[in-house]
Amino acid sequence: MKNKIICLIALISFFHSCMKDKGNYDYNFDLEPELTIDTLPGQMPELYKTWDVGAKITYEPKVEYKNGNEKNLTYTWFVMNYVYRQEQVGNSLQYPAPDTICTTKKLDYVVDLTPGNQYQLHLTVRDTVTGISVSKQFSSFLPIPLPDDNYSGLFCLYEKDGKTDIDVLQSPRAMILGSNIYRNVFSKSNPTAPLTGKPVMLEYSYTGRWFYIFTENQGLRVAPTGLQVMDTWENGMFYNAPTTYKPQRFMSLNNTDFLINNGKLHVLYASIAGDRKFANPIIESGELSPFLSSSTINTYRPVTGAISAYQIVFNKTKGAFQPFYNKGVNFGQFNSPTPDVLFNVNKVEGDPVYINTVNGGETAAIMKLNNGKYMLNVARFYDVVDDGKLTRYYKPLDGLQDLANAKVFESGLGGPAIFYGAGNKVYSYSYTTGQTTSNLIWEGEAGDEVTCMKILPTGGYPSGGRVLWIAVWNEAKNEGKIIDCEINPVSGLLELQVSAWVGVMENPTVTTGFGKVTQMMIKTMYD
């Protein structure tokens, strides 16, 4: 009781002192200070673009401090590694200190960061009197390009006026590729030994970190820095080079390079030290279609007992999808289907027109039946148990305009939309939306021909899976161009969304000055 009386006296004395105090205080118990930073990305395109070393970046954020004194605010702009993890310091693990790049409200910074790295950009605003603070992560994926002799972007293999070469287009819409165009990069790096013959295929090994360039006359393995030739088809690329030269499809997956040549699969295990040669073809009767899966094994919380194939192929002689397992000498076979499946993955009806891995790991195959009609067969071999129920969709494609005239197809893991080019038009079709007809998403002028397409791969950046490039050639004008679009990977329609974050308000945009591009591939500055 005595303690309670003492506390009550102290509390009364405190309020009495406050009432008598005539000092310079500004109390308002009804209005708490509220500190915020504007989070609308469309108002800060500079912070979502690729930053070049030496470039000057300026941006002033919108900061609101309701019921507070802005004179008390301090501002700290800082960057940290995109993958922010602990580092060994002496005998302990510590998180590295962020790099402060500016201490004023307006960001005014000349880029001095490591080329080829990627960063996060943050701003912290703090009231030094009240201690109230707020932080904003403006860009979670801020890339710094490599030097010019290690190109990144959309690599375009082309022919023009009897010459074969490579142009590199960097697209601001893609966010991670920069904003330059590099012309004739192979011949500039190899002036005495340019590419010969018509272009066939251009690919990049994400495991071996090298390019493959195939023309009708030569096959090369090329280093990314300086584009110097490492090996040739005849010398260094194979243990025993195939006598028939007919490269058809390449895929880099599971730390392994896969190459289909003349209907046969060759495998190179990049994880084996000192081994960068393709082995003899996998033993199999029949001819493989030019299809290789881009998704086979899920390494993050996989389904227990899921199919663990290193690669999936389609044997068009047998009409069968077949798994290939690590270090295998031949192909396996999927389990016999249950009676209620939509189709038999071991005996698919028709001839393959186009097969690709789409929509987060599903395999979509457009098949032409004996009666001339087209069917879409969709199965899933990725992160599922082979219980005899691998099929997902089986749809007639009678309503798809110009499909019989289509020569170019493209699709991606970002969604179920499939794009195809026929003449000077590009159509899209999505098999999950219920549509029965195709959508015309782009039409060129008379004489234009769509020669190839490429979708930006999915990844940890907002534009992943949302950028479609269309290569167009006009024979009469002897000129080519690249159509740069943002698409919705589910509906297959053009959609302006993340492009606006980097200030690209047109959809599509057109870049001219190209040859006849026969294949495009992506290499980012981190590959």
Protein backbone atom coordinates (compact mmCIF):
# COMPACT_ATOMS: atom_id res chain seq x y z
CA MET A 1 0.00 0.00 0.00
CA LYS A 2 2.85 2.33 0.89
CA ASN A 3 4.46 1.69 -2.53
CA LYS A 4 1.20 2.49 -4.34
CA ILE A 5 0.91 5.82 -2.51
CA ILE A 6 4.49 6.77 -3.46
CA CYS A 7 3.84 5.96 -7.14
CA LEU A 8 0.64 8.01 -7.16
CA ILE A 9 2.44 11.04 -5.64
CA ALA A 10 5.21 10.76 -8.25
CA LEU A 11 2.68 10.61 -11.11
CA ILE A 12 0.82 13.69 -9.82
CA SER A 13 4.10 15.56 -9.48
CA PHE A 14 5.04 14.67 -13.10
CA PHE A 15 1.81 16.07 -14.56
CA HIS A 16 2.05 19.16 -12.33
CA SER A 17 5.57 19.84 -13.64
CA CYS A 18 4.40 19.50 -17.22
CA MET A 19 1.57 21.97 -16.65
CA LYS A 20 3.95 24.51 -15.10
CA ASP A 21 6.69 24.04 -17.74
CA LYS A 22 6.54 26.96 -20.20
CA GLY A 23 9.42 25.65 -22.37
CA ASN A 24 9.39 25.60 -26.19
CA TYR A 25 7.64 22.24 -26.74
CA ASP A 26 5.04 21.32 -29.37
CA TYR A 27 2.91 18.43 -28.11
CA ASN A 28 0.09 17.00 -30.18
CA PHE A 29 -1.02 13.65 -28.81
CA ASP A 30 -3.67 13.24 -31.54
CA LEU A 31 -1.32 13.57 -34.56
CA GLU A 32 1.56 11.06 -34.67
CA PRO A 33 4.35 11.78 -37.21
CA GLU A 34 4.05 9.68 -40.39
CA LEU A 35 7.08 9.30 -42.66
CA THR A 36 6.66 7.75 -46.13
CA ILE A 37 8.58 7.40 -49.42
CA ASP A 38 6.66 7.28 -52.70
CA THR A 39 6.65 3.70 -54.03
CA LEU A 40 5.29 4.23 -57.55
CA PRO A 41 7.93 2.68 -59.85
CA GLY A 42 6.63 4.47 -62.93
CA GLN A 43 7.87 7.76 -61.45
CA MET A 44 11.47 6.58 -61.11
CA PRO A 45 12.57 4.95 -64.38
CA GLU A 46 16.24 5.87 -63.84
CA LEU A 47 16.37 3.58 -60.84
CA TYR A 48 15.16 0.56 -62.82
CA LYS A 49 17.49 0.94 -65.79
CA THR A 50 20.86 -0.70 -66.26
CA TRP A 51 23.56 1.56 -64.85
CA ASP A 52 26.74 1.97 -66.88
CA VAL A 53 30.01 2.63 -65.10
CA GLY A 54 30.72 6.37 -65.27
CA ALA A 55 27.10 7.33 -65.90
CA LYS A 56 25.57 10.09 -63.77
CA ILE A 57 22.36 9.07 -62.01
CA THR A 58 20.08 11.76 -60.61
CA TYR A 59 16.70 11.28 -58.98
CA GLU A 60 14.77 13.09 -56.26
CA PRO A 61 12.24 10.93 -54.41
CA LYS A 62 8.92 12.10 -53.08
CA VAL A 63 9.15 12.00 -49.27
CA GLU A 64 6.16 12.93 -47.11
CA TYR A 65 6.50 13.69 -43.40
CA LYS A 66 3.06 14.37 -41.98
CA ASN A 67 3.03 16.08 -38.59
CA GLY A 68 6.83 16.06 -38.47
CA ASN A 69 9.69 18.51 -39.03
CA GLU A 70 11.44 17.84 -42.38
CA LYS A 71 14.44 19.86 -41.23
CA ASN A 72 15.33 16.98 -38.91
CA LEU A 73 15.49 14.40 -41.73
CA THR A 74 18.67 12.79 -43.00
CA TYR A 75 18.96 10.78 -46.21
CA THR A 76 21.19 7.78 -46.93
CA TRP A 77 21.32 6.15 -50.37
CA PHE A 78 23.22 2.86 -50.38
CA VAL A 79 23.78 -0.23 -52.51
CA MET A 80 24.43 -3.83 -51.52
CA ASN A 81 25.00 -7.02 -53.47
CA TYR A 82 21.90 -8.45 -55.13
CA VAL A 83 22.60 -11.73 -53.33
CA TYR A 84 23.28 -10.38 -49.86
CA ARG A 85 24.91 -13.07 -47.78
CA GLN A 86 27.41 -13.42 -44.95
CA GLU A 87 31.13 -13.38 -45.72
CA GLN A 88 34.01 -14.95 -43.82
CA VAL A 89 35.87 -12.30 -41.81
CA GLY A 90 38.59 -13.86 -39.66
CA ASN A 91 36.95 -16.60 -37.63
CA SER A 92 33.39 -15.35 -38.01
CA LEU A 93 30.71 -14.81 -40.64
CA GLN A 94 29.56 -11.22 -41.09
CA TYR A 95 27.26 -9.35 -43.45
CA PRO A 96 29.29 -6.82 -45.47
CA ALA A 97 28.54 -3.16 -44.80
CA PRO A 98 26.40 -1.52 -47.51
CA ASP A 99 28.12 1.00 -49.76
CA THR A 100 26.77 4.51 -49.13
CA ILE A 101 26.65 6.41 -52.44
CA CYS A 102 24.81 9.64 -51.49
CA THR A 103 23.64 11.46 -48.33
CA THR A 104 21.29 14.06 -49.78
CA LYS A 105 17.62 13.77 -50.60
CA LYS A 106 18.35 14.08 -54.29
CA LEU A 107 20.42 11.15 -55.53
CA ASP A 108 23.37 12.58 -57.47
CA TYR A 109 25.81 9.77 -58.20
CA VAL A 110 28.46 8.92 -60.80
CA VAL A 111 28.37 5.13 -61.06
CA ASP A 112 31.50 3.54 -59.62
CA LEU A 113 30.50 -0.08 -59.10
CA THR A 114 32.04 -3.39 -60.18
CA PRO A 115 31.22 -4.24 -63.82
CA GLY A 116 29.33 -7.49 -64.26
CA ASN A 117 27.86 -7.42 -60.74
CA GLN A 118 24.28 -6.83 -59.70
CA TYR A 119 23.08 -4.78 -56.76
CA GLN A 120 20.13 -3.66 -54.66
CA LEU A 121 19.46 0.07 -54.28
CA HIS A 122 18.02 1.41 -51.01
CA LEU A 123 17.14 4.76 -49.42
CA THR A 124 16.79 5.29 -45.67
CA VAL A 125 15.21 8.49 -44.33
CA ARG A 126 15.57 9.21 -40.60
CA ASP A 127 14.43 11.90 -38.15
CA THR A 128 17.48 12.58 -35.98
CA VAL A 129 15.32 13.96 -33.15
CA THR A 130 12.49 11.42 -32.84
CA GLY A 131 14.39 8.46 -34.27
CA ILE A 132 11.55 7.71 -36.69
CA SER A 133 12.90 6.19 -39.92
CA VAL A 134 11.68 4.53 -43.10
CA SER A 135 13.53 2.59 -45.81
CA LYS A 136 12.66 1.86 -49.41
CA GLN A 137 14.24 -0.69 -51.73
CA PHE A 138 14.01 1.07 -55.07
CA SER A 139 15.60 -1.56 -57.26
CA SER A 140 16.15 -5.18 -56.28
CA PHE A 141 17.97 -6.09 -59.52
CA LEU A 142 20.37 -3.34 -60.57
CA PRO A 143 22.83 -4.63 -63.20
CA ILE A 144 26.21 -3.10 -64.08
CA PRO A 145 27.28 -4.16 -67.60
CA LEU A 146 30.56 -5.86 -68.40
CA PRO A 147 33.18 -4.18 -70.59
CA ASP A 148 32.47 -4.10 -74.31
CA ASP A 149 34.63 -7.12 -75.13
CA ASN A 150 32.28 -9.33 -73.10
CA TYR A 151 28.95 -8.62 -74.75
CA SER A 152 25.56 -9.12 -73.17
CA GLY A 153 22.14 -8.75 -74.73
CA LEU A 154 20.11 -10.25 -77.55
CA PHE A 155 22.58 -11.95 -79.89
CA CYS A 156 21.32 -11.94 -83.48
CA LEU A 157 22.89 -14.36 -85.97
CA TYR A 158 22.25 -12.97 -89.44
CA GLU A 159 23.20 -13.01 -93.08
CA LYS A 160 23.30 -10.09 -95.48
CA ASP A 161 25.01 -9.46 -98.81
CA GLY A 162 26.75 -12.82 -98.66
CA LYS A 163 28.14 -12.21 -95.16
CA THR A 164 27.28 -13.99 -91.89
CA ASP A 165 27.86 -12.19 -88.60
CA ILE A 166 26.37 -11.37 -85.19
CA ASP A 167 24.76 -8.16 -83.92
CA VAL A 168 24.01 -7.62 -80.22
CA LEU A 169 20.91 -5.63 -79.30
CA GLN A 170 20.48 -4.37 -75.76
CA SER A 171 16.90 -3.59 -74.84
CA PRO A 172 15.94 -1.17 -72.03
CA ARG A 173 12.57 -2.96 -71.91
CA ALA A 174 14.35 -6.09 -70.69
CA MET A 175 15.85 -4.13 -67.77
CA ILE A 176 18.99 -6.30 -67.49
CA LEU A 177 20.51 -5.93 -70.95
CA GLY A 178 21.54 -2.26 -71.23
CA SER A 179 20.62 0.09 -74.08
CA ASN A 180 23.31 -0.20 -76.79
CA ILE A 181 23.66 -1.92 -80.17
CA TYR A 182 26.90 -3.65 -81.12
CA ARG A 183 27.30 -4.46 -84.81
CA ASN A 184 29.28 -7.26 -86.47
CA VAL A 185 30.84 -8.37 -83.19
CA PHE A 186 32.27 -11.65 -84.47
CA SER A 187 34.08 -10.22 -87.50
CA LYS A 188 35.40 -7.35 -85.39
CA SER A 189 36.92 -9.84 -82.95
CA ASN A 190 38.07 -12.18 -85.74
CA PRO A 191 38.91 -9.93 -88.71
CA THR A 192 41.08 -12.54 -90.45
CA ALA A 193 38.70 -15.46 -89.86
CA PRO A 194 35.05 -14.34 -90.29
CA LEU A 195 32.14 -16.75 -90.30
CA THR A 196 31.58 -18.58 -93.58
CA GLY A 197 28.40 -20.07 -94.99
CA LYS A 198 24.77 -19.32 -94.23
CA PRO A 199 23.84 -19.07 -90.54
CA VAL A 200 22.26 -22.09 -88.84
CA MET A 201 22.33 -21.85 -85.05
CA LEU A 202 23.69 -19.69 -82.22
CA GLU A 203 23.58 -20.90 -78.60
CA TYR A 204 25.20 -20.26 -75.23
CA SER A 205 26.24 -22.79 -72.62
CA TYR A 206 25.32 -21.49 -69.17
CA THR A 207 27.35 -24.29 -67.59
CA GLY A 208 30.47 -24.20 -69.76
CA ARG A 209 30.32 -20.41 -70.23
CA TRP A 210 30.91 -20.46 -73.97
CA PHE A 211 29.07 -19.92 -77.25
CA TYR A 212 28.28 -22.39 -80.00
CA ILE A 213 28.08 -20.90 -83.49
CA PHE A 214 26.94 -23.08 -86.38
CA THR A 215 26.83 -22.10 -90.04
CA GLU A 216 26.29 -24.38 -93.00
CA ASN A 217 30.08 -24.72 -93.29
CA GLN A 218 31.45 -24.68 -89.76
CA GLY A 219 30.74 -25.37 -86.11
CA LEU A 220 32.63 -23.37 -83.49
CA ARG A 221 32.92 -23.15 -79.72
CA VAL A 222 33.70 -19.52 -78.85
CA ALA A 223 34.78 -17.78 -75.64
CA PRO A 224 32.44 -15.02 -74.39
CA THR A 225 35.29 -12.55 -73.82
CA GLY A 226 36.61 -11.36 -77.16
CA LEU A 227 34.65 -14.06 -79.04
CA GLN A 228 37.83 -16.03 -79.65
CA VAL A 229 37.49 -19.50 -81.16
CA MET A 230 38.19 -22.24 -78.62
CA ASP A 231 37.37 -25.39 -80.61
CA THR A 232 35.96 -26.43 -83.96
CA TRP A 233 33.59 -29.22 -84.96
CA GLU A 234 36.47 -31.26 -86.32
CA ASN A 235 39.01 -30.40 -83.65
CA GLY A 236 38.16 -30.30 -79.95
CA MET A 237 34.36 -30.23 -79.85
CA PHE A 238 33.82 -34.02 -80.01
CA TYR A 239 35.68 -37.14 -79.03
CA ASN A 240 34.66 -38.43 -82.44
CA ALA A 241 33.20 -35.74 -84.69
CA PRO A 242 30.04 -36.92 -86.51
CA THR A 243 30.60 -37.43 -90.21
CA THR A 244 27.19 -35.91 -90.95
CA TYR A 245 27.11 -32.23 -90.00
CA LYS A 246 23.53 -31.26 -89.22
CA PRO A 247 23.16 -29.39 -85.89
CA GLN A 248 19.47 -29.02 -85.01
CA ARG A 249 18.97 -28.15 -81.34
CA PHE A 250 21.02 -27.26 -78.26
CA MET A 251 20.20 -26.97 -74.57
CA SER A 252 22.34 -26.18 -71.53
CA LEU A 253 20.74 -27.77 -68.47
CA ASN A 254 21.72 -29.60 -65.27
CA ASN A 255 25.39 -28.62 -65.73
CA THR A 256 25.31 -30.48 -69.03
CA ASP A 257 25.37 -29.47 -72.70
CA PHE A 258 22.95 -31.35 -74.96
CA LEU A 259 23.20 -31.23 -78.76
CA ILE A 260 20.95 -32.90 -81.32
CA ASN A 261 22.81 -33.46 -84.57
CA ASN A 262 21.23 -35.33 -87.47
CA GLY A 263 18.50 -36.69 -85.20
CA LYS A 264 20.93 -38.03 -82.57
CA LEU A 265 21.68 -36.76 -79.05
CA HIS A 266 25.24 -35.91 -77.98
CA VAL A 267 26.02 -35.09 -74.33
CA LEU A 268 28.81 -33.06 -72.72
CA TYR A 269 29.12 -33.06 -68.92
CA ALA A 270 30.56 -29.66 -68.09
CA SER A 271 31.02 -30.66 -64.44
CA ILE A 272 33.78 -33.11 -65.32
CA ALA A 273 37.13 -31.35 -64.90
CA GLY A 274 38.95 -30.78 -68.16
CA ASP A 275 36.19 -32.35 -70.24
CA ARG A 276 34.59 -30.15 -72.86
CA LYS A 277 33.96 -32.70 -75.59
CA PHE A 278 30.69 -34.21 -76.71
CA ALA A 279 30.55 -37.99 -76.50
CA ASN A 280 29.30 -40.38 -79.15
CA PRO A 281 25.54 -40.24 -79.75
CA ILE A 282 23.19 -41.89 -77.28
CA ILE A 283 22.18 -45.33 -78.50
CA GLU A 284 18.63 -45.27 -79.83
CA SER A 285 16.71 -46.52 -82.83
CA GLY A 286 14.78 -43.83 -84.61
CA GLU A 287 15.23 -40.13 -85.27
CA LEU A 288 14.86 -37.40 -82.66
CA SER A 289 12.88 -34.23 -83.29
CA PRO A 290 14.76 -30.96 -82.70
CA PHE A 291 13.37 -30.65 -79.17
CA LEU A 292 15.16 -30.54 -75.82
CA SER A 293 13.44 -29.67 -72.55
CA SER A 294 14.47 -26.57 -70.62
CA SER A 295 13.05 -27.88 -67.29
CA THR A 296 13.55 -31.40 -66.00
CA ILE A 297 14.66 -31.50 -62.35
CA ASN A 298 13.31 -29.24 -59.60
CA THR A 299 16.04 -28.59 -57.03
CA TYR A 300 13.90 -26.51 -54.66
CA ARG A 301 11.47 -28.57 -52.57
CA PRO A 302 10.92 -31.19 -55.26
CA VAL A 303 7.99 -33.60 -55.23
CA THR A 304 9.02 -36.83 -53.55
CA GLY A 305 9.62 -39.52 -56.14
CA ALA A 306 9.45 -37.08 -59.07
CA ILE A 307 10.92 -37.96 -62.45
CA SER A 308 14.67 -37.28 -62.27
CA ALA A 309 15.54 -37.28 -65.96
CA TYR A 310 18.41 -35.03 -67.04
CA GLN A 311 16.72 -34.43 -70.38
CA ILE A 312 13.50 -35.20 -72.28
CA VAL A 313 13.52 -35.90 -76.03
CA PHE A 314 10.90 -36.75 -78.62
CA ASN A 315 11.57 -39.73 -80.86
CA LYS A 316 9.54 -38.90 -83.93
CA THR A 317 10.10 -42.34 -85.44
CA LYS A 318 8.39 -43.92 -82.43
CA GLY A 319 6.15 -40.94 -81.70
CA ALA A 320 7.33 -41.09 -78.10
CA PHE A 321 8.60 -38.73 -75.44
CA GLN A 322 11.58 -40.38 -73.74
CA PRO A 323 13.62 -39.54 -70.63
CA PHE A 324 17.40 -39.48 -70.56
CA TYR A 325 19.05 -40.02 -67.18
CA ASN A 326 22.42 -38.83 -65.88
CA LYS A 327 25.36 -40.71 -67.44
CA GLY A 328 22.94 -42.89 -69.38
CA VAL A 329 23.93 -44.79 -72.51
CA ASN A 330 20.40 -45.00 -73.90
CA PHE A 331 16.93 -43.52 -73.36
CA GLY A 332 14.33 -44.70 -70.92
CA GLN A 333 10.57 -44.96 -71.27
CA PHE A 334 7.71 -43.51 -69.28
CA ASN A 335 5.23 -45.76 -67.54
CA SER A 336 2.25 -47.06 -69.47
CA PRO A 337 -0.60 -44.55 -69.30
CA THR A 338 -3.77 -45.13 -67.33
CA PRO A 339 -7.03 -45.52 -69.31
CA ASP A 340 -8.26 -42.01 -68.46
CA VAL A 341 -5.33 -40.01 -69.91
CA LEU A 342 -5.86 -37.53 -72.72
CA PHE A 343 -3.19 -39.11 -74.95
CA ASN A 344 -0.34 -41.58 -74.75
CA VAL A 345 3.06 -39.91 -74.22
CA ASN A 346 4.69 -43.13 -75.45
CA LYS A 347 2.78 -43.03 -78.73
CA VAL A 348 1.70 -39.53 -79.73
CA GLU A 349 -0.41 -39.33 -82.86
CA GLY A 350 0.80 -37.19 -85.78
CA ASP A 351 3.98 -35.49 -86.93
CA PRO A 352 5.59 -32.88 -84.67
CA VAL A 353 5.34 -29.31 -85.92
CA TYR A 354 6.61 -27.58 -82.78
CA ILE A 355 7.56 -28.79 -79.29
CA ASN A 356 8.79 -26.68 -76.37
CA THR A 357 8.80 -26.43 -72.59
CA VAL A 358 6.26 -23.83 -71.44
CA ASN A 359 4.16 -22.61 -68.53
CA GLY A 360 6.40 -23.45 -65.61
CA GLY A 361 7.53 -26.85 -66.87
CA GLU A 362 4.80 -28.25 -69.11
CA THR A 363 5.72 -29.66 -72.52
CA ALA A 364 3.52 -28.47 -75.38
CA ALA A 365 3.57 -30.25 -78.75
CA ILE A 366 1.70 -29.10 -81.87
CA MET A 367 1.10 -32.23 -83.97
CA LYS A 368 -0.16 -32.47 -87.54
CA LEU A 369 -2.47 -35.45 -87.95
CA ASN A 370 -2.80 -37.62 -91.05
CA ASN A 371 -6.06 -35.84 -91.93
CA GLY A 372 -4.24 -32.49 -92.07
CA LYS A 373 -5.67 -31.17 -88.81
CA TYR A 374 -3.55 -29.87 -85.95
CA MET A 375 -3.76 -30.91 -82.29
CA LEU A 376 -2.08 -29.49 -79.20
CA ASN A 377 -0.75 -32.13 -76.80
CA VAL A 378 0.41 -30.87 -73.38
CA ALA A 379 2.10 -33.13 -70.82
CA ARG A 380 4.15 -32.53 -67.70
CA PHE A 381 7.43 -34.34 -67.00
CA TYR A 382 8.83 -31.72 -64.61
CA ASP A 383 8.53 -32.21 -60.83
CA VAL A 384 5.85 -34.90 -61.08
CA VAL A 385 5.68 -38.60 -60.26
CA ASP A 386 5.28 -40.85 -63.27
CA ASP A 387 1.99 -42.41 -62.26
CA GLY A 388 0.83 -42.94 -65.83
CA LYS A 389 -1.06 -39.64 -65.74
CA LEU A 390 1.37 -37.17 -67.31
CA THR A 391 -1.01 -35.52 -69.77
CA ARG A 392 -2.61 -32.12 -69.09
CA TYR A 393 -4.35 -30.80 -72.25
CA TYR A 394 -5.43 -32.16 -75.63
CA LYS A 395 -6.94 -29.47 -77.83
CA PRO A 396 -7.90 -29.12 -81.51
CA LEU A 397 -6.34 -26.11 -83.22
CA ASP A 398 -8.82 -25.73 -86.08
CA GLY A 399 -9.49 -22.09 -85.21
CA LEU A 400 -5.88 -20.93 -85.37
CA GLN A 401 -5.51 -18.63 -88.34
CA ASP A 402 -2.58 -19.22 -90.75
CA LEU A 403 -1.21 -22.09 -88.64
CA ALA A 404 -0.58 -24.19 -91.76
CA ASN A 405 1.65 -21.37 -93.07
CA ALA A 406 3.57 -20.86 -89.84
CA LYS A 407 7.34 -21.22 -90.13
CA VAL A 408 8.43 -19.67 -86.84
CA PHE A 409 7.30 -20.53 -83.29
CA GLU A 410 8.23 -19.31 -79.81
CA SER A 411 7.04 -19.85 -76.23
CA GLY A 412 8.48 -19.71 -72.73
CA LEU A 413 8.28 -20.91 -69.16
CA GLY A 414 6.46 -17.74 -68.08
CA GLY A 415 3.05 -18.88 -69.31
CA PRO A 416 0.97 -21.00 -71.69
CA ALA A 417 1.02 -18.56 -74.63
CA ILE A 418 2.47 -19.88 -77.89
CA PHE A 419 3.48 -17.42 -80.61
CA TYR A 420 3.81 -18.23 -84.30
CA GLY A 421 4.82 -16.26 -87.34
CA ALA A 422 3.29 -16.71 -90.79
CA GLY A 423 4.51 -14.37 -93.52
CA ASN A 424 4.40 -10.83 -92.16
CA LYS A 425 2.11 -11.63 -89.22
CA VAL A 426 2.56 -12.89 -85.66
CA TYR A 427 -0.25 -14.66 -83.83
CA SER A 428 -0.61 -15.93 -80.29
CA TYR A 429 -2.62 -18.72 -78.73
CA SER A 430 -3.02 -19.58 -75.03
CA TYR A 431 -4.21 -23.06 -74.18
CA THR A 432 -5.40 -22.24 -70.64
CA THR A 433 -7.67 -19.29 -71.42
CA GLY A 434 -10.40 -21.24 -73.18
CA GLN A 435 -9.84 -19.49 -76.50
CA THR A 436 -10.41 -21.46 -79.68
CA THR A 437 -8.94 -18.92 -82.12
CA SER A 438 -5.61 -17.15 -82.35
CA ASN A 439 -4.93 -13.46 -81.72
CA LEU A 440 -3.12 -11.32 -84.29
CA ILE A 441 -0.61 -9.34 -82.21
CA TRP A 442 1.62 -7.85 -84.94
CA GLU A 443 1.45 -7.29 -88.69
CA GLY A 444 4.24 -5.91 -90.85
CA GLU A 445 4.17 -4.20 -94.19
CA ALA A 446 4.00 -5.91 -97.56
CA GLY A 447 7.16 -7.88 -98.24
CA ASP A 448 8.02 -8.39 -94.57
CA GLU A 449 8.78 -11.93 -93.40
CA VAL A 450 9.07 -13.07 -89.78
CA THR A 451 12.30 -15.07 -89.63
CA CYS A 452 12.61 -15.92 -85.91
CA MET A 453 11.41 -14.93 -82.44
CA LYS A 454 12.81 -14.99 -78.91
CA ILE A 455 11.25 -14.57 -75.45
CA LEU A 456 13.29 -13.19 -72.55
CA PRO A 457 13.74 -16.09 -70.10
CA THR A 458 12.02 -16.01 -66.75
CA GLY A 459 14.17 -14.99 -63.81
CA GLY A 460 14.38 -12.88 -60.70
CA TYR A 461 13.54 -9.64 -62.48
CA PRO A 462 10.14 -8.10 -63.35
CA SER A 463 10.58 -8.32 -67.13
CA GLY A 464 11.40 -12.04 -67.11
CA GLY A 465 9.14 -13.90 -69.54
CA ARG A 466 7.45 -10.66 -70.64
CA VAL A 467 9.62 -9.47 -73.56
CA LEU A 468 9.21 -10.89 -77.06
CA TRP A 469 11.58 -10.03 -79.90
CA ILE A 470 10.45 -10.57 -83.49
CA ALA A 471 13.06 -10.60 -86.28
CA VAL A 472 11.70 -9.41 -89.64
CA TRP A 473 13.32 -9.44 -93.08
CA ASN A 474 12.23 -7.61 -96.23
CA GLU A 475 13.90 -9.11 -99.29
CA ALA A 476 12.85 -6.34 -101.67
CA LYS A 477 14.34 -3.66 -99.41
CA ASN A 478 17.29 -5.85 -98.39
CA GLU A 479 16.85 -4.84 -94.77
CA GLY A 480 15.91 -6.38 -91.46
CA LYS A 481 14.47 -5.08 -88.22
CA ILE A 482 13.77 -6.25 -84.67
CA ILE A 483 10.33 -5.72 -83.15
CA ASP A 484 10.60 -5.35 -79.36
CA CYS A 485 7.34 -6.13 -77.51
CA GLU A 486 6.11 -6.53 -73.97
CA ILE A 487 3.65 -9.39 -73.81
CA ASN A 488 1.45 -11.04 -71.22
CA PRO A 489 2.80 -14.61 -71.10
CA VAL A 490 -0.58 -15.99 -70.05
CA SER A 491 -2.93 -14.33 -72.54
CA GLY A 492 -0.32 -13.89 -75.28
CA LEU A 493 -1.47 -10.31 -75.89
CA LEU A 494 0.65 -7.16 -75.95
CA GLU A 495 0.62 -5.54 -72.52
CA LEU A 496 2.46 -2.43 -71.40
CA GLN A 497 3.31 -2.91 -67.73
CA VAL A 498 6.90 -3.24 -66.54
CA SER A 499 8.19 -1.36 -69.62
CA ALA A 500 6.77 1.82 -68.12
CA TRP A 501 9.05 1.37 -65.09
CA VAL A 502 12.04 2.10 -67.31
CA GLY A 503 10.33 4.82 -69.32
CA VAL A 504 9.51 2.73 -72.43
CA MET A 505 5.96 3.83 -73.21
CA GLU A 506 5.64 2.44 -76.75
CA ASN A 507 4.67 -1.16 -77.34
CA PRO A 508 6.09 -2.41 -79.60
CA THR A 509 9.25 -0.54 -80.56
CA VAL A 510 11.23 -1.11 -83.76
CA THR A 511 15.01 -1.15 -84.31
CA THR A 512 16.25 -1.16 -87.91
CA GLY A 513 19.60 -1.82 -89.57
CA PHE A 514 19.75 -5.61 -89.27
CA GLY A 515 20.36 -8.37 -91.78
CA LYS A 516 18.22 -11.48 -92.16
CA VAL A 517 18.29 -12.80 -88.59
CA THR A 518 17.90 -16.57 -88.44
CA GLN A 519 18.34 -17.10 -84.70
CA MET A 520 18.41 -15.03 -81.53
CA MET A 521 19.65 -15.97 -78.08
CA ILE A 522 20.08 -14.21 -74.73
CA LYS A 523 23.25 -13.81 -72.73
CA THR A 524 23.06 -11.51 -69.74
CA MET A 525 26.08 -9.92 -68.09
CA TYR A 526 25.96 -12.58 -65.36
CA ASP A 527 26.01 -15.65 -67.64
